[in-house]
Full PDB file with SEQRES, HELIX, SHEET, SSBOND, CRYST1, ORIGX, SCALE, CONECT and MASTER records, all heavy atoms in Angstrom:
SEQRES   1 A   37  GLY ASN ASN LEU LYS CYS THR LYS MET SER SER GLU VAL          
SEQRES   2 A   37  LYS LEU TRP ASN GLY ASP PHE THR ASN ILE LYS VAL LYS          
SEQRES   3 A   37  ARG LYS LEU GLN SER LYS LEU GLU THR LEU LYS                  
HELIX    1 AA1 ILE A   23  GLN A   30  1                                   8    
HELIX    2 AA2 LYS A   32  LEU A   36  1                                   5    
CRYST1    1.000    1.000    1.000  90.00  90.00  90.00 P 1           1          
ORIGX1      1.000000  0.000000  0.000000        0.00000                         
ORIGX2      0.000000  1.000000  0.000000        0.00000                         
ORIGX3      0.000000  0.000000  1.000000        0.00000                         
SCALE1      1.000000  0.000000  0.000000        0.00000                         
SCALE2      0.000000  1.000000  0.000000        0.00000                         
SCALE3      0.000000  0.000000  1.000000        0.00000                         
ATOM      1  N   GLY A   1       8.606 -21.735   5.167  1.00  0.00           N  
ATOM      2  CA  GLY A   1       9.931 -22.018   4.577  1.00  0.00           C  
ATOM      3  C   GLY A   1      10.932 -20.925   4.753  1.00  0.00           C  
ATOM      4  O   GLY A   1      11.976 -21.075   4.186  1.00  0.00           O  
ATOM      5  N   ASN A   2      10.540 -19.875   5.397  1.00  0.00           N  
ATOM      6  CA  ASN A   2      11.369 -18.657   5.769  1.00  0.00           C  
ATOM      7  C   ASN A   2      11.452 -18.481   7.341  1.00  0.00           C  
ATOM      8  O   ASN A   2      10.440 -18.817   8.033  1.00  0.00           O  
ATOM      9  CB  ASN A   2      10.819 -17.512   5.037  1.00  0.00           C  
ATOM     10  CG  ASN A   2      10.820 -17.561   3.735  1.00  0.00           C  
ATOM     11  OD1 ASN A   2      11.867 -17.452   2.978  1.00  0.00           O  
ATOM     12  ND2 ASN A   2       9.657 -17.606   3.064  1.00  0.00           N  
ATOM     13  N   ASN A   3      12.543 -17.905   7.600  1.00  0.00           N  
ATOM     14  CA  ASN A   3      12.682 -17.496   9.072  1.00  0.00           C  
ATOM     15  C   ASN A   3      11.853 -16.232   9.217  1.00  0.00           C  
ATOM     16  O   ASN A   3      11.691 -15.430   8.446  1.00  0.00           O  
ATOM     17  CB  ASN A   3      14.170 -17.081   9.373  1.00  0.00           C  
ATOM     18  CG  ASN A   3      15.056 -18.406   9.471  1.00  0.00           C  
ATOM     19  OD1 ASN A   3      14.651 -19.390   9.941  1.00  0.00           O  
ATOM     20  ND2 ASN A   3      16.248 -18.315   8.977  1.00  0.00           N  
ATOM     21  N   LEU A   4      11.217 -16.074  10.382  1.00  0.00           N  
ATOM     22  CA  LEU A   4      10.558 -14.855  10.669  1.00  0.00           C  
ATOM     23  C   LEU A   4      11.586 -13.652  10.829  1.00  0.00           C  
ATOM     24  O   LEU A   4      12.425 -13.742  11.560  1.00  0.00           O  
ATOM     25  CB  LEU A   4       9.856 -15.036  12.020  1.00  0.00           C  
ATOM     26  CG  LEU A   4       9.010 -13.834  12.584  1.00  0.00           C  
ATOM     27  CD1 LEU A   4       7.877 -13.479  11.531  1.00  0.00           C  
ATOM     28  CD2 LEU A   4       8.426 -14.087  13.853  1.00  0.00           C  
ATOM     29  N   LYS A   5      11.342 -12.710   9.989  1.00  0.00           N  
ATOM     30  CA  LYS A   5      12.294 -11.546   9.984  1.00  0.00           C  
ATOM     31  C   LYS A   5      11.641 -10.399  10.713  1.00  0.00           C  
ATOM     32  O   LYS A   5      10.697  -9.757  10.394  1.00  0.00           O  
ATOM     33  CB  LYS A   5      12.445 -11.055   8.482  1.00  0.00           C  
ATOM     34  CG  LYS A   5      13.164 -12.152   7.745  1.00  0.00           C  
ATOM     35  CD  LYS A   5      13.416 -11.656   6.290  1.00  0.00           C  
ATOM     36  CE  LYS A   5      14.216 -12.710   5.578  1.00  0.00           C  
ATOM     37  NZ  LYS A   5      14.486 -12.235   4.207  1.00  0.00           N  
ATOM     38  N   CYS A   6      12.220 -10.209  11.936  1.00  0.00           N  
ATOM     39  CA  CYS A   6      11.795  -9.145  12.805  1.00  0.00           C  
ATOM     40  C   CYS A   6      12.970  -8.195  13.168  1.00  0.00           C  
ATOM     41  O   CYS A   6      14.212  -8.598  13.112  1.00  0.00           O  
ATOM     42  CB  CYS A   6      11.218  -9.704  14.181  1.00  0.00           C  
ATOM     43  SG  CYS A   6       9.817 -10.612  13.976  1.00  0.00           S  
ATOM     44  N   THR A   7      12.591  -6.958  13.442  1.00  0.00           N  
ATOM     45  CA  THR A   7      13.653  -6.010  13.873  1.00  0.00           C  
ATOM     46  C   THR A   7      12.983  -5.174  14.922  1.00  0.00           C  
ATOM     47  O   THR A   7      11.734  -4.799  14.822  1.00  0.00           O  
ATOM     48  CB  THR A   7      14.233  -5.194  12.757  1.00  0.00           C  
ATOM     49  OG1 THR A   7      15.300  -4.299  13.224  1.00  0.00           O  
ATOM     50  CG2 THR A   7      13.120  -4.379  11.980  1.00  0.00           C  
ATOM     51  N   LYS A   8      13.825  -4.768  15.848  1.00  0.00           N  
ATOM     52  CA  LYS A   8      13.426  -3.818  16.882  1.00  0.00           C  
ATOM     53  C   LYS A   8      13.838  -2.428  16.702  1.00  0.00           C  
ATOM     54  O   LYS A   8      13.356  -1.554  17.323  1.00  0.00           O  
ATOM     55  CB  LYS A   8      13.896  -4.288  18.292  1.00  0.00           C  
ATOM     56  CG  LYS A   8      13.308  -5.568  18.769  1.00  0.00           C  
ATOM     57  CD  LYS A   8      13.889  -6.096  20.081  1.00  0.00           C  
ATOM     58  CE  LYS A   8      13.171  -7.323  20.392  1.00  0.00           C  
ATOM     59  NZ  LYS A   8      13.222  -7.703  21.653  1.00  0.00           N  
ATOM     60  N   MET A   9      14.774  -2.327  15.763  1.00  0.00           N  
ATOM     61  CA  MET A   9      15.263  -0.972  15.468  1.00  0.00           C  
ATOM     62  C   MET A   9      15.333  -0.757  13.871  1.00  0.00           C  
ATOM     63  O   MET A   9      15.645  -1.672  13.124  1.00  0.00           O  
ATOM     64  CB  MET A   9      16.622  -0.743  15.972  1.00  0.00           C  
ATOM     65  CG  MET A   9      16.712  -0.800  17.531  1.00  0.00           C  
ATOM     66  SD  MET A   9      18.313  -0.462  18.143  1.00  0.00           S  
ATOM     67  CE  MET A   9      18.460   1.176  17.857  1.00  0.00           C  
ATOM     68  N   SER A  10      14.790   0.343  13.483  1.00  0.00           N  
ATOM     69  CA  SER A  10      14.752   0.626  11.979  1.00  0.00           C  
ATOM     70  C   SER A  10      14.856   2.039  11.636  1.00  0.00           C  
ATOM     71  O   SER A  10      14.392   2.866  12.491  1.00  0.00           O  
ATOM     72  CB  SER A  10      13.509   0.027  11.405  1.00  0.00           C  
ATOM     73  OG  SER A  10      13.533   0.290  10.039  1.00  0.00           O  
ATOM     74  N   SER A  11      15.528   2.397  10.682  1.00  0.00           N  
ATOM     75  CA  SER A  11      15.583   3.775  10.273  1.00  0.00           C  
ATOM     76  C   SER A  11      14.273   4.197   9.680  1.00  0.00           C  
ATOM     77  O   SER A  11      13.922   5.417   9.575  1.00  0.00           O  
ATOM     78  CB  SER A  11      16.769   4.053   9.322  1.00  0.00           C  
ATOM     79  OG  SER A  11      16.506   3.292   8.099  1.00  0.00           O  
ATOM     80  N   GLU A  12      13.530   3.267   9.201  1.00  0.00           N  
ATOM     81  CA  GLU A  12      12.180   3.521   8.617  1.00  0.00           C  
ATOM     82  C   GLU A  12      11.174   2.509   8.875  1.00  0.00           C  
ATOM     83  O   GLU A  12      11.258   1.313   8.377  1.00  0.00           O  
ATOM     84  CB  GLU A  12      12.478   3.617   7.055  1.00  0.00           C  
ATOM     85  CG  GLU A  12      11.248   4.192   6.387  1.00  0.00           C  
ATOM     86  CD  GLU A  12      11.472   4.574   4.813  1.00  0.00           C  
ATOM     87  OE1 GLU A  12      12.575   4.299   4.488  1.00  0.00           O  
ATOM     88  OE2 GLU A  12      10.601   5.018   4.318  1.00  0.00           O  
ATOM     89  N   VAL A  13      10.174   2.859   9.634  1.00  0.00           N  
ATOM     90  CA  VAL A  13       9.131   2.024   9.904  1.00  0.00           C  
ATOM     91  C   VAL A  13       8.023   2.363   8.908  1.00  0.00           C  
ATOM     92  O   VAL A  13       7.642   3.645   8.881  1.00  0.00           O  
ATOM     93  CB  VAL A  13       8.620   1.941  11.262  1.00  0.00           C  
ATOM     94  CG1 VAL A  13       7.308   1.131  11.495  1.00  0.00           C  
ATOM     95  CG2 VAL A  13       9.728   1.522  12.272  1.00  0.00           C  
ATOM     96  N   LYS A  14       7.504   1.479   8.198  1.00  0.00           N  
ATOM     97  CA  LYS A  14       6.355   1.769   7.249  1.00  0.00           C  
ATOM     98  C   LYS A  14       4.974   1.235   7.865  1.00  0.00           C  
ATOM     99  O   LYS A  14       4.998   0.145   8.327  1.00  0.00           O  
ATOM    100  CB  LYS A  14       6.609   1.144   5.845  1.00  0.00           C  
ATOM    101  CG  LYS A  14       7.770   1.926   5.129  1.00  0.00           C  
ATOM    102  CD  LYS A  14       7.717   1.837   3.656  1.00  0.00           C  
ATOM    103  CE  LYS A  14       8.862   2.375   3.059  1.00  0.00           C  
ATOM    104  NZ  LYS A  14       8.444   3.378   2.126  1.00  0.00           N  
ATOM    105  N   LEU A  15       4.020   2.082   7.756  1.00  0.00           N  
ATOM    106  CA  LEU A  15       2.675   1.639   8.212  1.00  0.00           C  
ATOM    107  C   LEU A  15       2.095   0.849   7.107  1.00  0.00           C  
ATOM    108  O   LEU A  15       1.898   1.277   6.036  1.00  0.00           O  
ATOM    109  CB  LEU A  15       1.794   2.772   8.659  1.00  0.00           C  
ATOM    110  CG  LEU A  15       2.497   3.662   9.685  1.00  0.00           C  
ATOM    111  CD1 LEU A  15       1.665   4.826  10.022  1.00  0.00           C  
ATOM    112  CD2 LEU A  15       2.709   2.799  11.005  1.00  0.00           C  
ATOM    113  N   TRP A  16       1.640  -0.462   7.337  1.00  0.00           N  
ATOM    114  CA  TRP A  16       1.103  -1.284   6.408  1.00  0.00           C  
ATOM    115  C   TRP A  16      -0.294  -0.798   5.971  1.00  0.00           C  
ATOM    116  O   TRP A  16      -0.625  -1.075   4.830  1.00  0.00           O  
ATOM    117  CB  TRP A  16       1.072  -2.777   6.830  1.00  0.00           C  
ATOM    118  CG  TRP A  16       0.553  -3.680   5.922  1.00  0.00           C  
ATOM    119  CD1 TRP A  16       1.262  -4.152   4.834  1.00  0.00           C  
ATOM    120  CD2 TRP A  16      -0.679  -4.323   5.888  1.00  0.00           C  
ATOM    121  NE1 TRP A  16       0.431  -5.111   4.137  1.00  0.00           N  
ATOM    122  CE2 TRP A  16      -0.760  -5.156   4.751  1.00  0.00           C  
ATOM    123  CE3 TRP A  16      -1.731  -4.150   6.645  1.00  0.00           C  
ATOM    124  CZ2 TRP A  16      -1.801  -5.837   4.481  1.00  0.00           C  
ATOM    125  CZ3 TRP A  16      -2.950  -4.924   6.426  1.00  0.00           C  
ATOM    126  CH2 TRP A  16      -2.945  -5.805   5.220  1.00  0.00           C  
ATOM    127  N   ASN A  17      -1.098  -0.337   6.889  1.00  0.00           N  
ATOM    128  CA  ASN A  17      -2.506  -0.018   6.553  1.00  0.00           C  
ATOM    129  C   ASN A  17      -2.835   1.387   6.587  1.00  0.00           C  
ATOM    130  O   ASN A  17      -3.929   1.836   6.629  1.00  0.00           O  
ATOM    131  CB  ASN A  17      -3.364  -0.754   7.652  1.00  0.00           C  
ATOM    132  CG  ASN A  17      -3.223  -0.252   8.959  1.00  0.00           C  
ATOM    133  OD1 ASN A  17      -1.975   0.045   9.305  1.00  0.00           O  
ATOM    134  ND2 ASN A  17      -4.182  -0.242   9.765  1.00  0.00           N  
ATOM    135  N   GLY A  18      -1.788   2.226   6.466  1.00  0.00           N  
ATOM    136  CA  GLY A  18      -2.169   3.578   6.243  1.00  0.00           C  
ATOM    137  C   GLY A  18      -0.953   4.460   6.656  1.00  0.00           C  
ATOM    138  O   GLY A  18      -0.215   4.251   7.548  1.00  0.00           O  
ATOM    139  N   ASP A  19      -0.826   5.680   5.857  1.00  0.00           N  
ATOM    140  CA  ASP A  19       0.193   6.520   6.171  1.00  0.00           C  
ATOM    141  C   ASP A  19      -0.600   7.911   6.355  1.00  0.00           C  
ATOM    142  O   ASP A  19      -1.873   7.909   6.169  1.00  0.00           O  
ATOM    143  CB  ASP A  19       1.266   6.695   5.120  1.00  0.00           C  
ATOM    144  CG  ASP A  19       0.749   6.933   3.796  1.00  0.00           C  
ATOM    145  OD1 ASP A  19      -0.218   7.785   3.697  1.00  0.00           O  
ATOM    146  OD2 ASP A  19       1.252   6.406   2.850  1.00  0.00           O  
ATOM    147  N   PHE A  20       0.100   9.000   6.550  1.00  0.00           N  
ATOM    148  CA  PHE A  20      -0.524  10.213   6.850  1.00  0.00           C  
ATOM    149  C   PHE A  20      -0.306  11.244   5.623  1.00  0.00           C  
ATOM    150  O   PHE A  20      -0.306  12.412   5.909  1.00  0.00           O  
ATOM    151  CB  PHE A  20      -0.140  10.836   8.123  1.00  0.00           C  
ATOM    152  CG  PHE A  20      -0.482   9.851   9.337  1.00  0.00           C  
ATOM    153  CD1 PHE A  20       0.409   9.013   9.823  1.00  0.00           C  
ATOM    154  CD2 PHE A  20      -1.738   9.868   9.681  1.00  0.00           C  
ATOM    155  CE1 PHE A  20       0.036   8.018  10.819  1.00  0.00           C  
ATOM    156  CE2 PHE A  20      -2.203   8.913  10.748  1.00  0.00           C  
ATOM    157  CZ  PHE A  20      -1.257   8.161  11.360  1.00  0.00           C  
ATOM    158  N   THR A  21      -0.134  10.785   4.474  1.00  0.00           N  
ATOM    159  CA  THR A  21      -0.130  11.603   3.331  1.00  0.00           C  
ATOM    160  C   THR A  21      -1.546  12.006   2.939  1.00  0.00           C  
ATOM    161  O   THR A  21      -2.528  11.175   3.200  1.00  0.00           O  
ATOM    162  CB  THR A  21       0.577  10.959   2.095  1.00  0.00           C  
ATOM    163  OG1 THR A  21      -0.020   9.768   1.776  1.00  0.00           O  
ATOM    164  CG2 THR A  21       2.072  10.783   2.415  1.00  0.00           C  
ATOM    165  N   ASN A  22      -1.850  13.048   2.273  1.00  0.00           N  
ATOM    166  CA  ASN A  22      -3.125  13.478   1.889  1.00  0.00           C  
ATOM    167  C   ASN A  22      -4.173  13.420   3.070  1.00  0.00           C  
ATOM    168  O   ASN A  22      -5.165  12.895   2.895  1.00  0.00           O  
ATOM    169  CB  ASN A  22      -3.535  12.776   0.741  1.00  0.00           C  
ATOM    170  CG  ASN A  22      -2.751  12.855  -0.552  1.00  0.00           C  
ATOM    171  OD1 ASN A  22      -2.292  13.953  -0.763  1.00  0.00           O  
ATOM    172  ND2 ASN A  22      -2.456  11.792  -1.112  1.00  0.00           N  
ATOM    173  N   ILE A  23      -3.777  14.023   4.218  1.00  0.00           N  
ATOM    174  CA  ILE A  23      -4.495  13.793   5.440  1.00  0.00           C  
ATOM    175  C   ILE A  23      -5.956  14.360   5.321  1.00  0.00           C  
ATOM    176  O   ILE A  23      -6.847  13.662   5.852  1.00  0.00           O  
ATOM    177  CB  ILE A  23      -3.744  14.398   6.574  1.00  0.00           C  
ATOM    178  CG1 ILE A  23      -4.235  13.835   8.031  1.00  0.00           C  
ATOM    179  CG2 ILE A  23      -3.722  15.912   6.710  1.00  0.00           C  
ATOM    180  CD1 ILE A  23      -3.347  14.006   9.095  1.00  0.00           C  
ATOM    181  N   LYS A  24      -6.136  15.396   4.701  1.00  0.00           N  
ATOM    182  CA  LYS A  24      -7.483  15.980   4.524  1.00  0.00           C  
ATOM    183  C   LYS A  24      -8.375  14.942   3.720  1.00  0.00           C  
ATOM    184  O   LYS A  24      -9.509  14.755   4.169  1.00  0.00           O  
ATOM    185  CB  LYS A  24      -7.553  17.308   3.807  1.00  0.00           C  
ATOM    186  CG  LYS A  24      -7.001  18.381   4.780  1.00  0.00           C  
ATOM    187  CD  LYS A  24      -7.035  19.805   4.033  1.00  0.00           C  
ATOM    188  CE  LYS A  24      -6.457  20.766   5.004  1.00  0.00           C  
ATOM    189  NZ  LYS A  24      -6.580  22.154   4.317  1.00  0.00           N  
ATOM    190  N   VAL A  25      -7.832  14.452   2.668  1.00  0.00           N  
ATOM    191  CA  VAL A  25      -8.606  13.460   1.882  1.00  0.00           C  
ATOM    192  C   VAL A  25      -8.900  12.146   2.753  1.00  0.00           C  
ATOM    193  O   VAL A  25      -9.999  11.679   2.752  1.00  0.00           O  
ATOM    194  CB  VAL A  25      -7.953  13.012   0.636  1.00  0.00           C  
ATOM    195  CG1 VAL A  25      -8.608  11.984  -0.112  1.00  0.00           C  
ATOM    196  CG2 VAL A  25      -7.842  14.283  -0.331  1.00  0.00           C  
ATOM    197  N   LYS A  26      -7.842  11.773   3.469  1.00  0.00           N  
ATOM    198  CA  LYS A  26      -8.031  10.457   4.317  1.00  0.00           C  
ATOM    199  C   LYS A  26      -9.106  10.712   5.380  1.00  0.00           C  
ATOM    200  O   LYS A  26      -9.871   9.766   5.742  1.00  0.00           O  
ATOM    201  CB  LYS A  26      -6.733  10.024   4.814  1.00  0.00           C  
ATOM    202  CG  LYS A  26      -5.945   9.411   3.653  1.00  0.00           C  
ATOM    203  CD  LYS A  26      -4.762   8.807   4.052  1.00  0.00           C  
ATOM    204  CE  LYS A  26      -3.978   8.121   2.837  1.00  0.00           C  
ATOM    205  NZ  LYS A  26      -2.578   7.625   3.174  1.00  0.00           N  
ATOM    206  N   ARG A  27      -9.043  11.834   6.014  1.00  0.00           N  
ATOM    207  CA  ARG A  27     -10.017  12.192   6.986  1.00  0.00           C  
ATOM    208  C   ARG A  27     -11.449  12.098   6.565  1.00  0.00           C  
ATOM    209  O   ARG A  27     -12.304  11.667   7.196  1.00  0.00           O  
ATOM    210  CB  ARG A  27      -9.745  13.504   7.653  1.00  0.00           C  
ATOM    211  CG  ARG A  27      -8.548  13.428   8.644  1.00  0.00           C  
ATOM    212  CD  ARG A  27      -8.342  14.897   9.395  1.00  0.00           C  
ATOM    213  NE  ARG A  27      -7.243  14.695  10.289  1.00  0.00           N  
ATOM    214  CZ  ARG A  27      -6.717  15.841  10.853  1.00  0.00           C  
ATOM    215  NH1 ARG A  27      -7.061  16.942  10.420  1.00  0.00           N  
ATOM    216  NH2 ARG A  27      -5.722  15.604  11.690  1.00  0.00           N  
ATOM    217  N   LYS A  28     -11.676  12.629   5.345  1.00  0.00           N  
ATOM    218  CA  LYS A  28     -12.907  12.683   4.707  1.00  0.00           C  
ATOM    219  C   LYS A  28     -13.407  11.407   4.366  1.00  0.00           C  
ATOM    220  O   LYS A  28     -14.467  10.901   4.581  1.00  0.00           O  
ATOM    221  CB  LYS A  28     -12.912  13.624   3.482  1.00  0.00           C  
ATOM    222  CG  LYS A  28     -14.265  13.805   2.920  1.00  0.00           C  
ATOM    223  CD  LYS A  28     -14.343  14.911   1.784  1.00  0.00           C  
ATOM    224  CE  LYS A  28     -15.641  15.152   1.364  1.00  0.00           C  
ATOM    225  NZ  LYS A  28     -15.843  16.279   0.308  1.00  0.00           N  
ATOM    226  N   LEU A  29     -12.492  10.568   3.825  1.00  0.00           N  
ATOM    227  CA  LEU A  29     -12.900   9.089   3.426  1.00  0.00           C  
ATOM    228  C   LEU A  29     -13.092   8.261   4.640  1.00  0.00           C  
ATOM    229  O   LEU A  29     -13.910   7.319   4.555  1.00  0.00           O  
ATOM    230  CB  LEU A  29     -11.780   8.611   2.545  1.00  0.00           C  
ATOM    231  CG  LEU A  29     -11.585   9.159   1.120  1.00  0.00           C  
ATOM    232  CD1 LEU A  29     -10.447   8.628   0.425  1.00  0.00           C  
ATOM    233  CD2 LEU A  29     -12.854   8.949   0.331  1.00  0.00           C  
ATOM    234  N   GLN A  30     -12.415   8.529   5.790  1.00  0.00           N  
ATOM    235  CA  GLN A  30     -12.554   7.695   6.902  1.00  0.00           C  
ATOM    236  C   GLN A  30     -13.680   8.140   7.865  1.00  0.00           C  
ATOM    237  O   GLN A  30     -14.167   7.336   8.629  1.00  0.00           O  
ATOM    238  CB  GLN A  30     -11.280   7.762   7.744  1.00  0.00           C  
ATOM    239  CG  GLN A  30     -10.995   6.820   8.700  1.00  0.00           C  
ATOM    240  CD  GLN A  30     -10.714   5.369   8.209  1.00  0.00           C  
ATOM    241  OE1 GLN A  30     -10.427   5.256   7.035  1.00  0.00           O  
ATOM    242  NE2 GLN A  30     -10.966   4.273   9.026  1.00  0.00           N  
ATOM    243  N   SER A  31     -14.267   9.361   7.497  1.00  0.00           N  
ATOM    244  CA  SER A  31     -15.252   9.896   8.508  1.00  0.00           C  
ATOM    245  C   SER A  31     -16.666   9.214   8.328  1.00  0.00           C  
ATOM    246  O   SER A  31     -17.149   9.184   7.161  1.00  0.00           O  
ATOM    247  CB  SER A  31     -15.346  11.462   8.187  1.00  0.00           C  
ATOM    248  OG  SER A  31     -16.483  11.940   8.792  1.00  0.00           O  
ATOM    249  N   LYS A  32     -17.172   8.729   9.346  1.00  0.00           N  
ATOM    250  CA  LYS A  32     -18.446   8.229   9.416  1.00  0.00           C  
ATOM    251  C   LYS A  32     -19.637   9.142   9.071  1.00  0.00           C  
ATOM    252  O   LYS A  32     -20.553   8.917   8.367  1.00  0.00           O  
ATOM    253  CB  LYS A  32     -18.765   7.417  10.654  1.00  0.00           C  
ATOM    254  CG  LYS A  32     -17.945   6.183  10.762  1.00  0.00           C  
ATOM    255  CD  LYS A  32     -17.566   5.806  12.133  1.00  0.00           C  
ATOM    256  CE  LYS A  32     -16.566   4.541  12.339  1.00  0.00           C  
ATOM    257  NZ  LYS A  32     -15.187   4.950  11.850  1.00  0.00           N  
ATOM    258  N   LEU A  33     -19.409  10.415   9.500  1.00  0.00           N  
ATOM    259  CA  LEU A  33     -20.278  11.527   9.167  1.00  0.00           C  
ATOM    260  C   LEU A  33     -20.326  11.838   7.832  1.00  0.00           C  
ATOM    261  O   LEU A  33     -21.408  12.018   7.195  1.00  0.00           O  
ATOM    262  CB  LEU A  33     -19.991  12.666  10.029  1.00  0.00           C  
ATOM    263  CG  LEU A  33     -20.032  12.713  11.509  1.00  0.00           C  
ATOM    264  CD1 LEU A  33     -19.569  13.960  12.252  1.00  0.00           C  
ATOM    265  CD2 LEU A  33     -21.478  12.241  11.975  1.00  0.00           C  
ATOM    266  N   GLU A  34     -19.177  11.863   7.128  1.00  0.00           N  
ATOM    267  CA  GLU A  34     -19.018  12.309   5.647  1.00  0.00           C  
ATOM    268  C   GLU A  34     -19.661  11.066   4.888  1.00  0.00           C  
ATOM    269  O   GLU A  34     -20.438  11.307   3.855  1.00  0.00           O  
ATOM    270  CB  GLU A  34     -17.679  12.440   5.275  1.00  0.00           C  
ATOM    271  CG  GLU A  34     -17.111  13.624   5.742  1.00  0.00           C  
ATOM    272  CD  GLU A  34     -17.678  14.937   5.198  1.00  0.00           C  
ATOM    273  OE1 GLU A  34     -18.102  14.867   4.072  1.00  0.00           O  
ATOM    274  OE2 GLU A  34     -17.689  16.009   5.933  1.00  0.00           O  
ATOM    275  N   THR A  35     -19.502   9.785   5.349  1.00  0.00           N  
ATOM    276  CA  THR A  35     -20.131   8.735   4.616  1.00  0.00           C  
ATOM    277  C   THR A  35     -21.556   8.757   4.690  1.00  0.00           C  
ATOM    278  O   THR A  35     -22.431   8.497   3.645  1.00  0.00           O  
ATOM    279  CB  THR A  35     -19.553   7.451   5.331  1.00  0.00           C  
ATOM    280  OG1 THR A  35     -18.101   7.354   5.113  1.00  0.00           O  
ATOM    281  CG2 THR A  35     -20.269   6.130   4.578  1.00  0.00           C  
ATOM    282  N   LEU A  36     -22.060   9.025   5.933  1.00  0.00           N  
ATOM    283  CA  LEU A  36     -23.584   9.172   6.085  1.00  0.00           C  
ATOM    284  C   LEU A  36     -24.082  10.165   5.134  1.00  0.00           C  
ATOM    285  O   LEU A  36     -25.163  10.086   4.596  1.00  0.00           O  
ATOM    286  CB  LEU A  36     -23.987   9.315   7.489  1.00  0.00           C  
ATOM    287  CG  LEU A  36     -25.424   9.370   7.749  1.00  0.00           C  
ATOM    288  CD1 LEU A  36     -26.184   8.127   7.258  1.00  0.00           C  
ATOM    289  CD2 LEU A  36     -25.576   9.520   9.298  1.00  0.00           C  
ATOM    290  N   LYS A  37     -23.509  11.349   5.221  1.00  0.00           N  
ATOM    291  CA  LYS A  37     -23.964  12.494   4.316  1.00  0.00           C  
ATOM    292  C   LYS A  37     -23.949  12.161   2.859  1.00  0.00           C  
ATOM    293  O   LYS A  37     -24.936  12.405   2.094  1.00  0.00           O  
ATOM    294  CB  LYS A  37     -23.073  13.779   4.594  1.00  0.00           C  
ATOM    295  CG  LYS A  37     -23.276  14.399   5.899  1.00  0.00           C  
ATOM    296  CD  LYS A  37     -22.264  15.574   6.026  1.00  0.00           C  
ATOM    297  CE  LYS A  37     -22.331  16.191   7.458  1.00  0.00           C  
ATOM    298  NZ  LYS A  37     -21.222  17.171   7.588  1.00  0.00           N  
TER     299      LYS A  37                                                      
MASTER        0    0    0    2    0    0    0    6  298    1    0    3          
END                                                                             
């Protein structure tokens, strides 16, 4: 019921599935080695 809203240019692109804040924590949570340990 809506038009597809797309843009090729934006002042701010947001990543839907992850950003890079708290990078040390995210690396630890994402690490397969840390998970196995």
